Amino acid sequence: PTGFVACGQVWCPAEPMCWRGLTVRSDHPMPPGAARCTEPHYWETFAAVPVPADANTDRELSTLIERDDIAALCSAERMAERSRDASHTEGWRIEAWAIPADPYTVLVHCLAGSPEGETPGAVFRAGA
């Protein structure tokens, strides 16, 4: 997909991807607003995968991280592997969120965020 490169069994952002907060309204996950990675932001993408074919309701899309297959792909181990400094991201929150890549493609982004809140700067390596 545009903006991603092959990275093992997942895609990795070609350039850092940072996001504002995550919102769910009546089980409907809203796409987060993009944020400049140089400014404080809550979440950053460290990997992405296609939306599973059987995740087709708002409830299923709002709880993707609870799926074993997605949790394995968006794991703490993968987050550490993609981190510029794994000791810096140890203990960070991990979430899986469906975000449109273009009008026809929606990807599950593996997101990580500091438990303290906003973070300035990109903490994950871009590219493969």
Protein backbone atom coordinates (compact mmCIF):
# COMPACT_ATOMS: atom_id res chain seq x y z
CA PRO A 1 0.00 0.00 0.00
CA THR A 2 1.02 3.60 -0.54
CA GLY A 3 3.21 4.85 2.29
CA PHE A 4 4.37 1.38 3.37
CA VAL A 5 7.19 -1.03 2.58
CA ALA A 6 7.33 -4.81 2.96
CA CYS A 7 8.72 -5.69 6.36
CA GLY A 8 8.62 -9.46 6.95
CA GLN A 9 5.02 -10.60 7.43
CA VAL A 10 3.78 -7.02 7.97
CA TRP A 11 4.15 -3.63 6.29
CA CYS A 12 6.17 -0.87 7.90
CA PRO A 13 5.66 2.85 7.34
CA ALA A 14 8.03 4.24 4.70
CA GLU A 15 8.08 7.48 6.75
CA PRO A 16 7.04 7.96 10.40
CA MET A 17 3.25 8.02 10.90
CA CYS A 18 1.90 9.76 13.99
CA TRP A 19 -1.65 10.23 15.20
CA ARG A 20 -3.84 12.13 17.60
CA GLY A 21 -6.19 10.34 20.03
CA LEU A 22 -8.35 7.28 19.34
CA THR A 23 -12.14 7.57 19.59
CA VAL A 24 -14.88 4.93 19.58
CA ARG A 25 -18.49 6.09 19.29
CA SER A 26 -21.18 3.42 19.78
CA ASP A 27 -18.70 0.64 18.88
CA HIS A 28 -17.71 2.59 15.74
CA PRO A 29 -13.95 3.31 15.71
CA MET A 30 -13.20 6.70 14.22
CA PRO A 31 -10.01 7.12 12.17
CA PRO A 32 -7.54 9.20 14.19
CA GLY A 33 -6.34 12.55 12.94
CA ALA A 34 -2.87 12.57 11.49
CA ALA A 35 -0.27 14.46 13.50
CA ARG A 36 3.18 15.71 12.63
CA CYS A 37 5.68 13.43 14.30
CA THR A 38 7.82 16.43 15.20
CA GLU A 39 5.01 17.74 17.41
CA PRO A 40 3.46 16.05 20.48
CA HIS A 41 1.19 13.14 19.51
CA TYR A 42 -0.43 10.17 21.29
CA TRP A 43 0.18 7.29 18.87
CA GLU A 44 2.67 6.17 16.25
CA THR A 45 2.35 3.35 13.71
CA PHE A 46 5.05 0.69 13.94
CA ALA A 47 3.51 -1.86 11.52
CA ALA A 48 0.35 -2.51 9.49
CA VAL A 49 -1.56 -5.48 8.07
CA PRO A 50 -4.71 -5.97 5.99
CA VAL A 51 -8.00 -5.88 7.87
CA PRO A 52 -9.03 -9.51 8.51
CA ALA A 53 -11.82 -10.57 6.15
CA ASP A 54 -13.99 -11.71 9.07
CA ALA A 55 -13.77 -8.37 10.90
CA ASN A 56 -16.75 -6.71 9.28
CA THR A 57 -18.79 -5.10 12.05
CA ASP A 58 -18.07 -1.91 13.96
CA ARG A 59 -17.72 -3.92 17.18
CA GLU A 60 -15.14 -6.24 15.59
CA LEU A 61 -13.21 -3.27 14.18
CA SER A 62 -13.19 -1.50 17.55
CA THR A 63 -11.68 -4.52 19.34
CA LEU A 64 -9.07 -5.71 16.84
CA ILE A 65 -6.29 -5.90 19.45
CA GLU A 66 -8.33 -8.57 21.29
CA ARG A 67 -7.94 -10.96 18.34
CA ASP A 68 -5.12 -13.47 18.77
CA ASP A 69 -3.91 -13.04 15.17
CA ILE A 70 -3.76 -9.24 15.39
CA ALA A 71 -2.28 -9.26 18.91
CA ALA A 72 0.50 -11.53 17.61
CA LEU A 73 1.23 -9.17 14.71
CA CYS A 74 1.05 -6.05 16.90
CA SER A 75 3.12 -7.56 19.70
CA ALA A 76 5.47 -5.94 22.19
CA GLU A 77 8.27 -7.90 20.53
CA ARG A 78 7.51 -6.36 17.11
CA MET A 79 7.19 -2.93 18.71
CA ALA A 80 10.64 -3.34 20.31
CA GLU A 81 12.07 -4.58 17.01
CA ARG A 82 10.78 -1.47 15.19
CA SER A 83 11.83 0.95 17.96
CA ARG A 84 14.81 3.21 17.46
CA ASP A 85 15.59 2.52 21.13
CA ALA A 86 13.68 -0.46 22.57
CA SER A 87 14.40 0.63 26.15
CA HIS A 88 12.52 3.88 25.45
CA THR A 89 9.31 2.13 24.33
CA GLU A 90 9.29 -0.66 26.93
CA GLY A 91 5.90 -0.74 28.65
CA TRP A 92 4.18 1.41 26.04
CA ARG A 93 0.50 0.89 25.24
CA ILE A 94 -0.28 -1.05 22.06
CA GLU A 95 -3.49 -0.74 20.06
CA ALA A 96 -4.67 -2.03 16.66
CA TRP A 97 -6.73 0.44 14.69
CA ALA A 98 -8.36 0.34 11.25
CA ILE A 99 -7.17 3.40 9.29
CA PRO A 100 -7.89 4.07 5.60
CA ALA A 101 -4.75 4.11 3.43
CA ASP A 102 -6.79 5.42 0.48
CA PRO A 103 -10.48 5.43 -0.48
CA TYR A 104 -10.37 1.70 -1.28
CA THR A 105 -7.88 0.28 1.22
CA VAL A 106 -8.19 0.06 4.99
CA LEU A 107 -5.27 -1.28 7.01
CA VAL A 108 -4.96 -2.34 10.62
CA HIS A 109 -2.25 -0.12 12.08
CA CYS A 110 -0.24 -1.43 15.00
CA LEU A 111 -0.01 1.68 17.16
CA ALA A 112 2.05 2.38 20.24
CA GLY A 113 1.86 5.25 22.67
CA SER A 114 3.57 6.34 25.83
CA PRO A 115 1.65 5.59 29.04
CA GLU A 116 2.43 9.17 30.09
CA GLY A 117 0.51 10.67 27.15
CA GLU A 118 1.85 12.73 24.27
CA THR A 119 5.34 12.24 22.87
CA PRO A 120 7.25 14.57 20.54
CA GLY A 121 9.36 13.02 17.80
CA ALA A 122 9.23 9.69 15.98
CA VAL A 123 10.34 6.71 18.08
CA PHE A 124 10.04 3.97 15.43
CA ARG A 125 12.28 3.24 12.48
CA ALA A 126 10.83 3.99 9.06
CA GLY A 127 11.30 1.57 6.17
CA ALA A 128 12.25 -2.08 6.31
